[in-house]
């Protein structure tokens, strides 16, 4: 079979269609990997193990891929970007603060923050 202009155009069309399908599949896989990883909690401040001198402090952070978050069992409000900010009381000694996040598939992640007050 000789390599003609028609054969070249046919190969080009089939190759383009395969390439487009592969790009769509790769994009769909890349976007769904975020859901497969589950929720993630990122605490911005204070850092774990921080020494606090005041009786209250603000816990700031953000969550990814989570529908709700709790701080020591109490629901925390999050904005549309996943940011949260809560004021907590810090008792003298070591304080362990637990943050739980749950996604739409009921997967849960827990992060603990240890604070020390003099």
N, C-alpha and C. Protein backbone atom coordinates (compact mmCIF):
# COMPACT_ATOMS: atom_id res chain seq x y z
N UNK A 1 0.85 -1.17 0.00
CA UNK A 1 0.00 0.00 0.00
C UNK A 1 0.90 1.24 0.00
N UNK A 2 0.79 2.05 -1.00
CA UNK A 2 1.63 3.26 -1.09
C UNK A 2 1.15 4.32 -0.10
N UNK A 3 2.08 5.11 0.34
CA UNK A 3 1.78 6.19 1.30
C UNK A 3 1.34 7.41 0.50
N UNK A 4 0.03 7.64 0.46
CA UNK A 4 -0.52 8.73 -0.33
C UNK A 4 -0.98 9.86 0.58
N UNK A 5 -1.45 10.89 -0.06
CA UNK A 5 -1.96 12.05 0.69
C UNK A 5 -3.19 11.65 1.50
N UNK A 6 -4.06 10.83 0.95
CA UNK A 6 -5.27 10.38 1.64
C UNK A 6 -4.91 9.55 2.86
N UNK A 7 -3.93 8.67 2.74
CA UNK A 7 -3.48 7.85 3.87
C UNK A 7 -2.90 8.74 4.97
N UNK A 8 -2.13 9.73 4.57
CA UNK A 8 -1.54 10.65 5.55
C UNK A 8 -2.62 11.42 6.30
N UNK A 9 -3.65 11.89 5.61
CA UNK A 9 -4.75 12.63 6.25
C UNK A 9 -5.52 11.72 7.18
N UNK A 10 -5.75 10.48 6.79
CA UNK A 10 -6.46 9.51 7.63
C UNK A 10 -5.66 9.25 8.92
N UNK A 11 -4.37 9.04 8.80
CA UNK A 11 -3.52 8.81 9.98
C UNK A 11 -3.50 10.04 10.87
N UNK A 12 -3.46 11.21 10.29
CA UNK A 12 -3.47 12.46 11.05
C UNK A 12 -4.78 12.63 11.82
N UNK A 13 -5.91 12.32 11.20
CA UNK A 13 -7.21 12.42 11.87
C UNK A 13 -7.31 11.43 13.03
N UNK A 14 -6.91 10.18 12.79
CA UNK A 14 -6.98 9.16 13.84
C UNK A 14 -6.02 9.51 14.98
N UNK A 15 -4.84 9.96 14.64
CA UNK A 15 -3.86 10.35 15.67
C UNK A 15 -4.36 11.53 16.49
N UNK A 16 -4.99 12.50 15.85
CA UNK A 16 -5.53 13.66 16.57
C UNK A 16 -6.66 13.24 17.51
N UNK A 17 -7.53 12.36 17.03
CA UNK A 17 -8.65 11.90 17.87
C UNK A 17 -8.11 11.13 19.08
N UNK A 18 -7.14 10.27 18.89
CA UNK A 18 -6.54 9.52 20.00
C UNK A 18 -5.88 10.47 20.99
N UNK A 19 -5.17 11.46 20.49
CA UNK A 19 -4.52 12.43 21.37
C UNK A 19 -5.53 13.21 22.19
N UNK A 20 -6.62 13.64 21.58
CA UNK A 20 -7.66 14.38 22.30
C UNK A 20 -8.29 13.50 23.38
N UNK A 21 -8.58 12.24 23.06
CA UNK A 21 -9.15 11.32 24.04
C UNK A 21 -8.19 11.10 25.20
N UNK A 22 -6.91 10.94 24.91
CA UNK A 22 -5.92 10.75 25.98
C UNK A 22 -5.81 11.98 26.88
N UNK A 23 -5.88 13.17 26.31
CA UNK A 23 -5.83 14.40 27.10
C UNK A 23 -7.06 14.50 28.01
N UNK A 24 -8.23 14.16 27.50
CA UNK A 24 -9.46 14.20 28.31
C UNK A 24 -9.37 13.19 29.46
N UNK A 25 -8.90 11.99 29.18
CA UNK A 25 -8.76 10.97 30.22
C UNK A 25 -7.75 11.40 31.28
N UNK A 26 -6.61 11.96 30.85
CA UNK A 26 -5.59 12.41 31.80
C UNK A 26 -6.12 13.54 32.67
N UNK A 27 -6.85 14.46 32.10
CA UNK A 27 -7.42 15.57 32.87
C UNK A 27 -8.44 15.06 33.89
N UNK A 28 -9.29 14.12 33.48
CA UNK A 28 -10.29 13.57 34.39
C UNK A 28 -9.62 12.84 35.55
N UNK A 29 -8.58 12.08 35.28
CA UNK A 29 -7.84 11.40 36.35
C UNK A 29 -7.17 12.39 37.29
N UNK A 30 -6.58 13.43 36.73
CA UNK A 30 -5.90 14.44 37.55
C UNK A 30 -6.89 15.15 38.48
N UNK A 31 -8.08 15.49 37.96
CA UNK A 31 -9.08 16.17 38.78
C UNK A 31 -9.67 15.26 39.84
N UNK A 32 -9.81 13.97 39.57
CA UNK A 32 -10.41 13.07 40.55
C UNK A 32 -9.42 12.61 41.61
N UNK A 33 -8.13 12.80 41.41
CA UNK A 33 -7.15 12.42 42.43
C UNK A 33 -7.33 13.26 43.70
N UNK A 34 -7.76 14.49 43.57
CA UNK A 34 -7.99 15.33 44.74
C UNK A 34 -9.06 14.72 45.64
N UNK A 35 -10.10 14.17 45.05
CA UNK A 35 -11.16 13.54 45.85
C UNK A 35 -10.68 12.22 46.45
N UNK A 36 -9.80 11.54 45.76
CA UNK A 36 -9.30 10.26 46.26
C UNK A 36 -8.40 10.45 47.47
N UNK A 37 -7.74 11.59 47.57
CA UNK A 37 -6.83 11.84 48.70
C UNK A 37 -7.56 12.10 50.01
N UNK A 38 -8.78 12.55 49.97
CA UNK A 38 -9.53 12.82 51.20
C UNK A 38 -9.23 14.21 51.74
N UNK A 39 -9.80 14.54 52.92
CA UNK A 39 -9.64 15.88 53.47
C UNK A 39 -8.24 16.12 54.01
N UNK A 40 -7.87 17.40 54.12
CA UNK A 40 -6.56 17.80 54.64
C UNK A 40 -6.74 19.05 55.49
N UNK A 41 -6.11 19.07 56.67
CA UNK A 41 -6.17 20.23 57.57
C UNK A 41 -4.78 20.88 57.60
N UNK A 42 -4.75 22.19 57.41
CA UNK A 42 -3.51 22.95 57.48
C UNK A 42 -3.68 24.04 58.54
N UNK A 43 -2.93 23.95 59.64
CA UNK A 43 -3.02 24.95 60.71
C UNK A 43 -1.95 26.01 60.45
N UNK A 44 -2.40 27.25 60.30
CA UNK A 44 -1.49 28.36 60.01
C UNK A 44 -0.88 28.90 61.30
N UNK A 45 -1.72 29.16 62.29
CA UNK A 45 -1.22 29.63 63.58
C UNK A 45 -2.12 29.17 64.71
N UNK A 46 -1.62 28.92 65.86
CA UNK A 46 -0.22 28.88 66.29
C UNK A 46 0.43 27.57 65.85
N UNK A 47 1.74 27.52 65.91
CA UNK A 47 2.46 26.31 65.52
C UNK A 47 2.34 25.27 66.63
N UNK A 48 2.49 24.02 66.27
CA UNK A 48 2.42 22.94 67.24
C UNK A 48 3.55 23.09 68.25
N UNK A 49 3.23 22.99 69.54
CA UNK A 49 4.23 23.12 70.60
C UNK A 49 4.50 24.55 71.03
N UNK A 50 3.69 25.50 70.58
CA UNK A 50 3.90 26.91 70.90
C UNK A 50 3.62 27.17 72.37
N UNK A 51 4.31 28.15 72.90
CA UNK A 51 4.10 28.60 74.28
C UNK A 51 3.25 29.86 74.23
N UNK A 52 2.12 29.82 74.91
CA UNK A 52 1.16 30.92 74.88
C UNK A 52 1.17 31.60 76.24
N UNK A 53 1.24 32.93 76.25
CA UNK A 53 1.23 33.65 77.52
C UNK A 53 -0.16 34.16 77.90
N UNK A 54 -1.03 34.36 76.93
CA UNK A 54 -2.38 34.87 77.19
C UNK A 54 -3.33 33.71 77.51
N UNK A 55 -4.50 34.05 78.04
CA UNK A 55 -5.47 33.01 78.39
C UNK A 55 -6.30 32.56 77.18
N UNK A 56 -6.25 33.33 76.10
CA UNK A 56 -6.94 32.94 74.87
C UNK A 56 -5.99 33.06 73.70
N UNK A 57 -6.28 32.34 72.65
CA UNK A 57 -5.51 32.44 71.41
C UNK A 57 -6.43 32.14 70.24
N UNK A 58 -6.01 32.56 69.09
CA UNK A 58 -6.79 32.33 67.87
C UNK A 58 -6.13 31.21 67.08
N UNK A 59 -6.93 30.24 66.70
CA UNK A 59 -6.45 29.16 65.84
C UNK A 59 -6.94 29.46 64.43
N UNK A 60 -5.98 29.61 63.51
CA UNK A 60 -6.31 29.90 62.11
C UNK A 60 -5.75 28.79 61.23
N UNK A 61 -6.47 28.52 60.18
CA UNK A 61 -6.01 27.51 59.24
C UNK A 61 -6.96 27.38 58.08
N UNK A 62 -6.75 26.33 57.31
CA UNK A 62 -7.67 26.04 56.23
C UNK A 62 -7.77 24.54 56.03
N UNK A 63 -8.86 24.14 55.42
CA UNK A 63 -9.10 22.74 55.11
C UNK A 63 -9.32 22.60 53.62
N UNK A 64 -8.93 21.47 53.09
CA UNK A 64 -9.15 21.17 51.68
C UNK A 64 -10.01 19.92 51.59
N UNK A 65 -10.92 19.93 50.67
CA UNK A 65 -11.78 18.78 50.38
C UNK A 65 -12.55 18.31 51.61
N UNK A 66 -13.05 19.24 52.41
CA UNK A 66 -13.80 18.88 53.62
C UNK A 66 -15.14 19.62 53.63
N UNK A 67 -16.16 18.92 54.11
CA UNK A 67 -17.49 19.53 54.24
C UNK A 67 -17.67 20.17 55.60
N UNK A 68 -17.11 19.56 56.64
CA UNK A 68 -17.21 20.18 57.96
C UNK A 68 -15.95 19.88 58.77
N UNK A 69 -15.73 20.71 59.77
CA UNK A 69 -14.57 20.58 60.63
C UNK A 69 -15.01 20.84 62.06
N UNK A 70 -14.44 20.08 62.99
CA UNK A 70 -14.75 20.28 64.40
C UNK A 70 -13.46 20.54 65.16
N UNK A 71 -13.57 21.37 66.18
CA UNK A 71 -12.46 21.69 67.07
C UNK A 71 -12.86 21.22 68.46
N UNK A 72 -12.21 20.18 68.94
CA UNK A 72 -12.56 19.55 70.22
C UNK A 72 -14.04 19.18 70.27
N UNK A 73 -14.57 18.67 69.16
CA UNK A 73 -15.95 18.21 69.11
C UNK A 73 -16.98 19.27 68.78
N UNK A 74 -16.56 20.52 68.68
CA UNK A 74 -17.48 21.62 68.38
C UNK A 74 -17.31 22.05 66.92
N UNK A 75 -18.41 22.21 66.22
CA UNK A 75 -18.36 22.56 64.80
C UNK A 75 -17.77 23.95 64.59
N UNK A 76 -16.90 24.05 63.61
CA UNK A 76 -16.25 25.31 63.25
C UNK A 76 -16.75 25.72 61.88
N UNK A 77 -17.05 27.01 61.72
CA UNK A 77 -17.49 27.49 60.41
C UNK A 77 -16.28 27.72 59.51
N UNK A 78 -16.46 27.39 58.24
CA UNK A 78 -15.41 27.61 57.25
C UNK A 78 -16.00 28.44 56.11
N UNK A 79 -15.15 29.25 55.50
CA UNK A 79 -15.65 30.05 54.38
C UNK A 79 -15.56 29.24 53.08
N UNK A 80 -15.89 29.87 51.96
CA UNK A 80 -15.94 29.16 50.69
C UNK A 80 -14.56 28.71 50.21
N UNK A 81 -13.50 29.29 50.75
CA UNK A 81 -12.14 28.88 50.40
C UNK A 81 -11.58 27.84 51.37
N UNK A 82 -12.35 27.51 52.41
CA UNK A 82 -11.91 26.51 53.38
C UNK A 82 -11.16 27.09 54.57
N UNK A 83 -11.13 28.41 54.71
CA UNK A 83 -10.43 29.05 55.83
C UNK A 83 -11.29 29.03 57.08
N UNK A 84 -10.64 28.91 58.23
CA UNK A 84 -11.35 28.97 59.50
C UNK A 84 -10.52 29.76 60.50
N UNK A 85 -11.20 30.30 61.52
CA UNK A 85 -10.57 31.06 62.58
C UNK A 85 -11.43 30.92 63.82
N UNK A 86 -10.84 30.43 64.91
CA UNK A 86 -11.58 30.21 66.16
C UNK A 86 -10.75 30.70 67.33
N UNK A 87 -11.41 31.34 68.28
CA UNK A 87 -10.77 31.76 69.53
C UNK A 87 -11.01 30.66 70.56
N UNK A 88 -9.92 30.23 71.21
CA UNK A 88 -10.05 29.20 72.23
C UNK A 88 -9.41 29.68 73.53
N UNK A 89 -9.82 29.08 74.63
CA UNK A 89 -9.23 29.36 75.93
C UNK A 89 -8.06 28.40 76.13
N UNK A 90 -6.94 28.94 76.58
CA UNK A 90 -5.76 28.12 76.84
C UNK A 90 -5.56 28.06 78.34
N UNK A 91 -5.67 26.87 78.90
CA UNK A 91 -5.51 26.67 80.33
C UNK A 91 -4.03 26.52 80.68
N UNK A 92 -3.64 26.81 81.94
CA UNK A 92 -2.24 26.63 82.33
C UNK A 92 -1.80 25.18 82.14
N UNK A 93 -0.58 25.00 81.65
CA UNK A 93 -0.05 23.67 81.38
C UNK A 93 -0.19 23.32 79.91
N UNK A 94 -0.21 22.03 79.63
CA UNK A 94 -0.30 21.55 78.26
C UNK A 94 -1.76 21.44 77.84
N UNK A 95 -2.07 21.97 76.67
CA UNK A 95 -3.41 21.90 76.08
C UNK A 95 -3.30 21.14 74.77
N UNK A 96 -4.13 20.13 74.60
CA UNK A 96 -4.17 19.38 73.34
C UNK A 96 -5.47 19.71 72.65
N UNK A 97 -5.36 20.32 71.48
CA UNK A 97 -6.52 20.73 70.68
C UNK A 97 -6.62 19.75 69.52
N UNK A 98 -7.81 19.19 69.33
CA UNK A 98 -8.03 18.20 68.26
C UNK A 98 -8.95 18.80 67.20
N UNK A 99 -8.49 18.75 65.96
CA UNK A 99 -9.28 19.21 64.82
C UNK A 99 -9.61 17.99 63.95
N UNK A 100 -10.89 17.80 63.67
CA UNK A 100 -11.35 16.70 62.82
C UNK A 100 -12.03 17.29 61.59
N UNK A 101 -11.70 16.77 60.42
CA UNK A 101 -12.35 17.19 59.17
C UNK A 101 -12.93 15.97 58.49
N UNK A 102 -14.12 16.14 57.91
CA UNK A 102 -14.81 15.05 57.24
C UNK A 102 -15.23 15.52 55.85
N UNK A 103 -15.06 14.64 54.86
CA UNK A 103 -15.45 15.00 53.50
C UNK A 103 -16.81 14.40 53.14
N UNK A 104 -17.22 14.59 51.90
CA UNK A 104 -18.54 14.14 51.47
C UNK A 104 -18.67 12.63 51.41
N UNK A 105 -17.55 11.91 51.43
CA UNK A 105 -17.58 10.45 51.41
C UNK A 105 -17.38 9.86 52.80
N UNK A 106 -17.54 10.71 53.84
CA UNK A 106 -17.40 10.32 55.25
C UNK A 106 -15.98 9.90 55.63
N UNK A 107 -14.99 10.27 54.83
CA UNK A 107 -13.61 10.03 55.21
C UNK A 107 -13.20 11.13 56.17
N UNK A 108 -12.43 10.77 57.18
CA UNK A 108 -12.10 11.72 58.24
C UNK A 108 -10.60 11.78 58.47
N UNK A 109 -10.11 12.96 58.79
CA UNK A 109 -8.72 13.15 59.17
C UNK A 109 -8.69 13.93 60.48
N UNK A 110 -7.74 13.59 61.33
CA UNK A 110 -7.62 14.25 62.63
C UNK A 110 -6.23 14.84 62.78
N UNK A 111 -6.16 16.06 63.29
CA UNK A 111 -4.89 16.73 63.56
C UNK A 111 -4.92 17.22 64.99
N UNK A 112 -3.82 17.00 65.70
CA UNK A 112 -3.73 17.50 67.07
C UNK A 112 -2.71 18.60 67.15
N UNK A 113 -3.03 19.60 67.97
CA UNK A 113 -2.18 20.76 68.19
C UNK A 113 -1.91 20.84 69.68
N UNK A 114 -0.65 20.87 70.06
CA UNK A 114 -0.27 20.94 71.46
C UNK A 114 0.22 22.36 71.77
N UNK A 115 -0.44 22.99 72.75
CA UNK A 115 -0.07 24.34 73.18
C UNK A 115 0.29 24.31 74.66
N UNK A 116 1.22 25.14 75.03
CA UNK A 116 1.65 25.22 76.42
C UNK A 116 1.44 26.64 76.93
N UNK A 117 0.79 26.76 78.09
CA UNK A 117 0.62 28.07 78.70
C UNK A 117 1.37 28.10 80.01
N UNK A 118 2.15 29.14 80.20
CA UNK A 118 2.96 29.31 81.40
C UNK A 118 2.10 29.67 82.60
